[in-house]
Protein backbone atom coordinates (compact mmCIF):
# COMPACT_ATOMS: atom_id res chain seq x y z
CA MET A 1 89.30 117.24 106.87
CA GLU A 2 92.11 115.09 108.26
CA ALA A 3 89.80 113.30 110.69
CA ALA A 4 87.44 112.51 107.77
CA LEU A 5 90.38 111.13 105.81
CA TYR A 6 91.38 108.74 108.59
CA ARG A 7 87.74 107.67 109.10
CA GLU A 8 87.23 107.00 105.39
CA LEU A 9 90.52 105.07 105.12
CA ALA A 10 89.33 102.81 107.95
CA GLU A 11 85.83 102.33 106.48
CA GLU A 12 86.69 101.98 102.80
CA LEU A 13 90.07 100.20 102.97
CA GLY A 14 90.39 98.84 106.48
CA ALA A 15 93.51 101.02 106.59
CA GLU A 16 95.41 103.11 109.09
CA ALA A 17 97.69 105.86 107.91
CA THR A 18 99.98 108.43 109.48
CA ASP A 19 101.45 111.81 108.64
CA ALA A 20 98.71 113.02 106.29
CA SER A 21 99.38 116.20 104.35
CA GLN A 22 96.88 117.93 102.13
CA VAL A 23 98.54 118.29 98.71
CA PHE A 24 95.78 119.10 96.22
CA LEU A 25 92.40 120.85 96.00
CA PHE A 26 89.94 120.44 93.17
CA SER A 27 86.79 122.49 92.71
CA SER A 28 83.91 122.02 90.33
CA PRO A 29 80.43 123.45 89.88
CA SER A 30 77.67 121.78 91.88
CA ASP A 31 73.99 122.32 92.57
CA ALA A 32 75.00 124.09 95.79
CA GLY A 33 77.49 126.35 93.99
CA VAL A 34 80.99 124.92 94.16
CA ALA A 35 82.12 121.48 95.30
CA VAL A 36 85.63 121.28 96.73
CA GLN A 37 87.52 118.01 96.99
CA HIS A 38 90.56 117.75 99.32
CA PHE A 39 93.33 115.28 98.47
CA PHE A 40 95.97 114.08 100.89
CA VAL A 41 99.16 112.05 100.80
CA ALA A 42 99.82 109.83 103.81
CA ARG A 43 101.99 106.92 104.83
CA LEU A 44 100.09 103.62 105.00
CA ALA A 45 100.68 101.97 108.39
CA ASN A 46 98.27 99.05 108.20
CA LEU A 47 95.81 97.54 105.73
CA ASP A 48 93.26 94.86 106.59
CA GLU A 49 90.61 94.42 103.92
CA SER A 50 88.53 92.26 106.27
CA ALA A 51 88.08 95.33 108.53
CA ARG A 52 86.28 97.38 105.86
CA SER A 53 82.79 98.49 106.91
CA GLY A 54 79.83 100.36 105.54
CA PRO A 55 76.70 99.52 103.56
CA GLU A 56 78.59 98.81 100.33
CA PHE A 57 80.38 95.88 102.02
CA SER A 58 77.32 94.36 103.69
CA ASP A 59 75.00 94.55 100.67
CA PRO A 60 75.99 92.02 97.94
CA SER A 61 73.72 93.75 95.41
CA ARG A 62 76.14 96.71 95.34
CA GLY A 63 78.84 94.60 93.71
CA GLY A 64 82.43 93.97 94.65
CA TYR A 65 85.13 96.31 95.75
CA GLU A 66 88.60 95.10 94.89
CA LEU A 67 91.64 97.17 95.80
CA ASP A 68 94.02 98.18 93.06
CA ARG A 69 97.61 98.89 94.07
CA VAL A 70 99.52 101.31 91.89
CA ASP A 71 103.26 101.86 92.21
CA LEU A 72 104.02 105.54 91.69
CA ARG A 73 107.63 104.74 90.83
CA GLY A 74 106.57 103.08 87.56
CA ASP A 75 104.12 103.83 84.77
CA ASP A 76 101.15 101.94 86.27
CA LEU A 77 99.15 105.10 86.94
CA VAL A 78 99.17 106.13 83.28
CA ALA A 79 96.67 103.33 82.49
CA VAL A 80 94.35 104.10 85.44
CA ASP A 81 91.13 106.05 84.73
CA LEU A 82 91.62 108.28 87.79
CA LYS A 83 89.12 111.07 88.35
CA PRO A 84 89.36 113.97 88.37
CA THR A 85 91.83 114.00 85.51
CA ALA A 86 93.55 117.01 87.05
CA LEU A 87 94.43 114.85 90.08
CA LYS A 88 96.04 112.23 87.87
CA GLU A 89 98.02 114.93 86.06
CA PHE A 90 99.11 116.41 89.38
CA ILE A 91 100.28 113.04 90.70
CA LEU A 92 102.20 112.21 87.52
CA ALA A 93 103.89 115.63 87.53
CA ASN A 94 104.75 115.50 91.22
CA ARG A 95 105.18 111.83 92.11
CA GLU A 96 108.72 112.14 93.51
CA ALA A 97 107.69 115.05 95.76
CA LEU A 98 104.58 113.12 96.90
CA LEU A 99 106.72 110.09 97.80
CA VAL A 100 109.06 112.35 99.77
CA GLU A 101 106.10 114.00 101.51
CA ALA A 102 104.71 110.58 102.45
CA GLY A 103 108.09 109.66 103.96
CA THR A 104 108.82 106.83 101.54
CA VAL A 105 111.87 108.53 99.96
CA ALA A 106 114.58 110.39 101.83
């Protein structure tokens, strides 16, 4: 799971991160039975949007992909339509612990 996280960060964001910790699991029904999503917190080490790759970035018909930055220390996340809703609720209820886990707060 962690290797997939680092690969997806590189492809989707052009990002490198360190110290990933799985913090949340979400399951939902699927055609195959149950789908499980794994969510991590990590410390962002580098971000280069020009390094993003994948078909969504090379095919203009798929639209644009702009990054939104959300400061967990404020109320910005409240207005974000984050899915699944349970993840948003988890982050809002645990934001200080997540910041500590990511190494941004001592």
